[in-house]
């Protein structure tokens, strides 16, 4: 799982550049006692601005490609930096 997550992080850095603020993996798959079948890999990312459609498509394609190659399903949220921590649900 770590390799897939690291790959996704690196690819998102290429796609988003400085608009990619932060990225976390969490949940059962990140624990030392993780289940044998990973199922979904939970991730949260923070972006400085909303991506245009071409960038959003590149993010989706990259995530799907890595997920297919590594036999995992991503459960990812990308939110805007301005919405992180303001107490409201992100758009």
N, C-alpha and C. Protein backbone atom coordinates (compact mmCIF):
# COMPACT_ATOMS: atom_id res chain seq x y z
N UNK A 1 0.82 -1.19 0.00
CA UNK A 1 0.00 0.00 0.00
C UNK A 1 0.86 1.25 0.00
N UNK A 2 1.94 1.24 0.77
CA UNK A 2 2.79 2.42 0.85
C UNK A 2 3.33 2.80 -0.53
N UNK A 3 3.73 1.80 -1.32
CA UNK A 3 4.25 2.09 -2.65
C UNK A 3 3.21 2.74 -3.54
N UNK A 4 1.97 2.25 -3.49
CA UNK A 4 0.90 2.83 -4.30
C UNK A 4 0.60 4.26 -3.85
N UNK A 5 0.54 4.46 -2.55
CA UNK A 5 0.25 5.79 -2.03
C UNK A 5 1.36 6.77 -2.40
N UNK A 6 2.61 6.35 -2.24
CA UNK A 6 3.75 7.19 -2.59
C UNK A 6 3.74 7.53 -4.07
N UNK A 7 3.41 6.56 -4.88
CA UNK A 7 3.32 6.80 -6.32
C UNK A 7 2.24 7.81 -6.65
N UNK A 8 1.07 7.65 -6.00
CA UNK A 8 -0.02 8.60 -6.24
C UNK A 8 0.40 10.00 -5.79
N UNK A 9 1.01 10.10 -4.63
CA UNK A 9 1.48 11.40 -4.16
C UNK A 9 2.44 12.04 -5.15
N UNK A 10 3.40 11.26 -5.64
CA UNK A 10 4.39 11.79 -6.57
C UNK A 10 3.74 12.23 -7.88
N UNK A 11 2.80 11.44 -8.38
CA UNK A 11 2.10 11.80 -9.63
C UNK A 11 1.26 13.05 -9.44
N UNK A 12 0.60 13.17 -8.28
CA UNK A 12 -0.20 14.37 -8.01
C UNK A 12 0.69 15.61 -7.91
N UNK A 13 1.89 15.45 -7.39
CA UNK A 13 2.83 16.57 -7.36
C UNK A 13 3.18 17.04 -8.77
N UNK A 14 3.35 16.08 -9.68
CA UNK A 14 3.65 16.44 -11.07
C UNK A 14 2.44 17.14 -11.70
N UNK A 15 1.25 16.61 -11.48
CA UNK A 15 0.04 17.17 -12.09
C UNK A 15 -0.29 18.54 -11.51
N UNK A 16 -0.20 18.67 -10.18
CA UNK A 16 -0.69 19.87 -9.50
C UNK A 16 0.39 20.89 -9.15
N UNK A 17 1.63 20.45 -9.09
CA UNK A 17 2.71 21.37 -8.73
C UNK A 17 2.47 22.02 -7.38
N UNK A 18 2.68 23.33 -7.31
CA UNK A 18 2.56 24.04 -6.04
C UNK A 18 1.12 24.16 -5.54
N UNK A 19 0.14 23.77 -6.36
CA UNK A 19 -1.26 23.76 -5.91
C UNK A 19 -1.55 22.58 -4.99
N UNK A 20 -0.63 21.62 -4.90
CA UNK A 20 -0.77 20.44 -4.06
C UNK A 20 -0.15 20.77 -2.70
N UNK A 21 -0.99 21.01 -1.70
CA UNK A 21 -0.54 21.51 -0.40
C UNK A 21 -0.17 20.38 0.57
N UNK A 22 -1.01 19.35 0.67
CA UNK A 22 -0.78 18.28 1.65
C UNK A 22 -1.52 17.02 1.22
N UNK A 23 -1.06 15.87 1.76
CA UNK A 23 -1.66 14.58 1.39
C UNK A 23 -1.45 13.60 2.54
N UNK A 24 -2.50 12.89 2.95
CA UNK A 24 -2.44 11.93 4.05
C UNK A 24 -3.05 10.60 3.62
N UNK A 25 -2.50 9.53 4.14
CA UNK A 25 -3.11 8.20 4.06
C UNK A 25 -3.49 7.83 5.49
N UNK A 26 -4.63 7.17 5.65
CA UNK A 26 -5.06 6.79 7.00
C UNK A 26 -5.94 5.55 6.90
N UNK A 27 -6.29 5.01 8.04
CA UNK A 27 -7.19 3.87 8.09
C UNK A 27 -6.45 2.56 8.28
N UNK A 28 -7.20 1.46 8.19
CA UNK A 28 -6.68 0.12 8.48
C UNK A 28 -5.49 -0.24 7.59
N UNK A 29 -5.49 0.20 6.34
CA UNK A 29 -4.43 -0.19 5.41
C UNK A 29 -3.08 0.42 5.78
N UNK A 30 -3.05 1.45 6.61
CA UNK A 30 -1.80 2.09 6.97
C UNK A 30 -1.23 1.53 8.27
N UNK A 31 -1.95 0.67 8.93
CA UNK A 31 -1.53 0.14 10.23
C UNK A 31 -0.65 -1.11 10.05
N UNK A 32 0.24 -1.38 10.99
CA UNK A 32 1.08 -2.58 10.90
C UNK A 32 0.25 -3.87 10.92
N UNK A 33 -0.92 -3.86 11.57
CA UNK A 33 -1.77 -5.04 11.65
C UNK A 33 -2.90 -4.99 10.60
N UNK A 34 -2.61 -4.41 9.45
CA UNK A 34 -3.62 -4.21 8.41
C UNK A 34 -4.18 -5.56 7.92
N UNK A 35 -5.39 -5.52 7.36
CA UNK A 35 -5.98 -6.76 6.85
C UNK A 35 -5.21 -7.29 5.64
N UNK A 36 -5.34 -8.60 5.36
CA UNK A 36 -4.63 -9.20 4.22
C UNK A 36 -5.08 -8.58 2.90
N UNK A 37 -6.39 -8.38 2.74
CA UNK A 37 -6.90 -7.72 1.54
C UNK A 37 -7.13 -6.26 1.88
N UNK A 38 -6.43 -5.37 1.18
CA UNK A 38 -6.48 -3.96 1.55
C UNK A 38 -7.83 -3.30 1.29
N UNK A 39 -8.54 -3.72 0.28
CA UNK A 39 -9.80 -3.05 -0.03
C UNK A 39 -9.53 -1.63 -0.49
N UNK A 40 -10.13 -0.68 0.22
CA UNK A 40 -9.89 0.70 -0.19
C UNK A 40 -8.76 1.32 0.62
N UNK A 41 -8.09 2.26 -0.02
CA UNK A 41 -7.03 3.01 0.62
C UNK A 41 -7.54 4.42 0.82
N UNK A 42 -7.61 4.85 2.07
CA UNK A 42 -8.17 6.16 2.41
C UNK A 42 -7.10 7.23 2.32
N UNK A 43 -7.42 8.30 1.60
CA UNK A 43 -6.49 9.42 1.45
C UNK A 43 -7.26 10.74 1.51
N UNK A 44 -6.59 11.74 2.02
CA UNK A 44 -7.09 13.12 1.99
C UNK A 44 -5.99 13.99 1.43
N UNK A 45 -6.37 14.89 0.55
CA UNK A 45 -5.42 15.85 0.01
C UNK A 45 -5.98 17.26 0.11
N UNK A 46 -5.09 18.22 0.16
CA UNK A 46 -5.47 19.63 0.23
C UNK A 46 -4.85 20.35 -0.97
N UNK A 47 -5.70 21.10 -1.66
CA UNK A 47 -5.28 21.87 -2.84
C UNK A 47 -5.43 23.35 -2.57
N UNK A 48 -4.54 24.16 -3.13
CA UNK A 48 -4.63 25.60 -2.92
C UNK A 48 -5.71 26.24 -3.78
N UNK A 49 -6.07 25.59 -4.89
CA UNK A 49 -7.15 26.12 -5.74
C UNK A 49 -7.86 24.96 -6.44
N UNK A 50 -9.08 25.23 -6.89
CA UNK A 50 -9.88 24.23 -7.57
C UNK A 50 -9.24 23.92 -8.93
N UNK A 51 -9.03 22.63 -9.24
CA UNK A 51 -8.42 22.28 -10.53
C UNK A 51 -9.41 22.47 -11.68
N UNK A 52 -8.88 22.79 -12.85
CA UNK A 52 -9.74 22.86 -14.03
C UNK A 52 -10.10 21.42 -14.44
N UNK A 53 -10.99 21.29 -15.42
CA UNK A 53 -11.50 19.96 -15.80
C UNK A 53 -10.40 19.04 -16.31
N UNK A 54 -9.47 19.57 -17.10
CA UNK A 54 -8.38 18.73 -17.62
C UNK A 54 -7.50 18.20 -16.48
N UNK A 55 -7.25 19.03 -15.49
CA UNK A 55 -6.45 18.61 -14.34
C UNK A 55 -7.22 17.59 -13.51
N UNK A 56 -8.50 17.83 -13.29
CA UNK A 56 -9.33 16.88 -12.55
C UNK A 56 -9.36 15.52 -13.25
N UNK A 57 -9.46 15.53 -14.57
CA UNK A 57 -9.44 14.28 -15.34
C UNK A 57 -8.10 13.57 -15.20
N UNK A 58 -7.01 14.32 -15.22
CA UNK A 58 -5.68 13.72 -15.05
C UNK A 58 -5.53 13.10 -13.66
N UNK A 59 -6.08 13.74 -12.65
CA UNK A 59 -6.06 13.19 -11.29
C UNK A 59 -6.82 11.87 -11.26
N UNK A 60 -8.04 11.88 -11.81
CA UNK A 60 -8.87 10.67 -11.83
C UNK A 60 -8.18 9.54 -12.59
N UNK A 61 -7.62 9.85 -13.75
CA UNK A 61 -6.96 8.83 -14.58
C UNK A 61 -5.75 8.24 -13.86
N UNK A 62 -4.97 9.08 -13.21
CA UNK A 62 -3.78 8.63 -12.49
C UNK A 62 -4.18 7.72 -11.33
N UNK A 63 -5.16 8.14 -10.58
CA UNK A 63 -5.63 7.35 -9.45
C UNK A 63 -6.16 6.00 -9.91
N UNK A 64 -6.94 5.98 -10.98
CA UNK A 64 -7.48 4.73 -11.51
C UNK A 64 -6.37 3.81 -12.02
N UNK A 65 -5.40 4.37 -12.71
CA UNK A 65 -4.31 3.57 -13.25
C UNK A 65 -3.49 2.90 -12.15
N UNK A 66 -3.11 3.68 -11.14
CA UNK A 66 -2.34 3.11 -10.03
C UNK A 66 -3.18 2.10 -9.26
N UNK A 67 -4.44 2.41 -9.05
CA UNK A 67 -5.33 1.48 -8.35
C UNK A 67 -5.47 0.16 -9.09
N UNK A 68 -5.62 0.21 -10.40
CA UNK A 68 -5.73 -1.02 -11.20
C UNK A 68 -4.43 -1.83 -11.14
N UNK A 69 -3.30 -1.17 -11.28
CA UNK A 69 -2.01 -1.86 -11.26
C UNK A 69 -1.73 -2.50 -9.90
N UNK A 70 -2.17 -1.87 -8.83
CA UNK A 70 -1.86 -2.34 -7.47
C UNK A 70 -3.02 -3.10 -6.84
N UNK A 71 -4.11 -3.26 -7.59
CA UNK A 71 -5.28 -3.99 -7.11
C UNK A 71 -5.85 -3.40 -5.82
N UNK A 72 -5.98 -2.07 -5.81
CA UNK A 72 -6.59 -1.38 -4.69
C UNK A 72 -7.63 -0.41 -5.20
N UNK A 73 -8.52 -0.02 -4.30
CA UNK A 73 -9.52 1.00 -4.61
C UNK A 73 -9.24 2.20 -3.73
N UNK A 74 -9.15 3.36 -4.34
CA UNK A 74 -8.89 4.58 -3.58
C UNK A 74 -10.20 5.11 -3.01
N UNK A 75 -10.15 5.58 -1.80
CA UNK A 75 -11.24 6.32 -1.19
C UNK A 75 -10.64 7.67 -0.83
N UNK A 76 -10.65 8.58 -1.80
CA UNK A 76 -9.90 9.83 -1.68
C UNK A 76 -10.81 11.05 -1.65
N UNK A 77 -10.35 12.02 -0.89
CA UNK A 77 -10.98 13.34 -0.85
C UNK A 77 -9.90 14.37 -1.13
N UNK A 78 -10.17 15.26 -2.06
CA UNK A 78 -9.30 16.41 -2.28
C UNK A 78 -10.14 17.64 -1.96
N UNK A 79 -9.67 18.45 -1.02
CA UNK A 79 -10.43 19.63 -0.61
C UNK A 79 -9.57 20.87 -0.80
N UNK A 80 -10.24 22.01 -0.83
CA UNK A 80 -9.53 23.27 -0.98
C UNK A 80 -8.98 23.73 0.36
N UNK A 81 -7.80 24.31 0.31
CA UNK A 81 -7.13 24.79 1.52
C UNK A 81 -8.02 25.76 2.30
N UNK A 82 -8.72 26.63 1.58
CA UNK A 82 -9.58 27.62 2.25
C UNK A 82 -10.74 26.98 2.99
N UNK A 83 -11.11 25.73 2.62
CA UNK A 83 -12.22 25.04 3.28
C UNK A 83 -11.74 24.11 4.40
N UNK A 84 -10.46 23.84 4.45
CA UNK A 84 -9.93 22.92 5.46
C UNK A 84 -9.97 23.61 6.83
N UNK A 85 -10.66 23.01 7.75
CA UNK A 85 -10.68 23.52 9.12
C UNK A 85 -11.62 24.66 9.39
N UNK A 86 -12.51 24.98 8.45
CA UNK A 86 -13.41 26.10 8.73
C UNK A 86 -14.73 25.62 9.35
N UNK A 87 -14.86 24.33 9.62
CA UNK A 87 -16.03 23.81 10.32
C UNK A 87 -17.19 23.42 9.41
N UNK A 88 -17.11 23.74 8.14
CA UNK A 88 -18.17 23.36 7.20
C UNK A 88 -17.73 22.17 6.37
N UNK A 89 -18.69 21.45 5.84
CA UNK A 89 -18.36 20.36 4.90
C UNK A 89 -17.75 20.97 3.65
N UNK A 90 -16.67 20.37 3.13
CA UNK A 90 -16.05 20.93 1.92
C UNK A 90 -16.92 20.70 0.70
N UNK A 91 -16.77 21.59 -0.26
CA UNK A 91 -17.54 21.46 -1.51
C UNK A 91 -16.87 20.46 -2.42
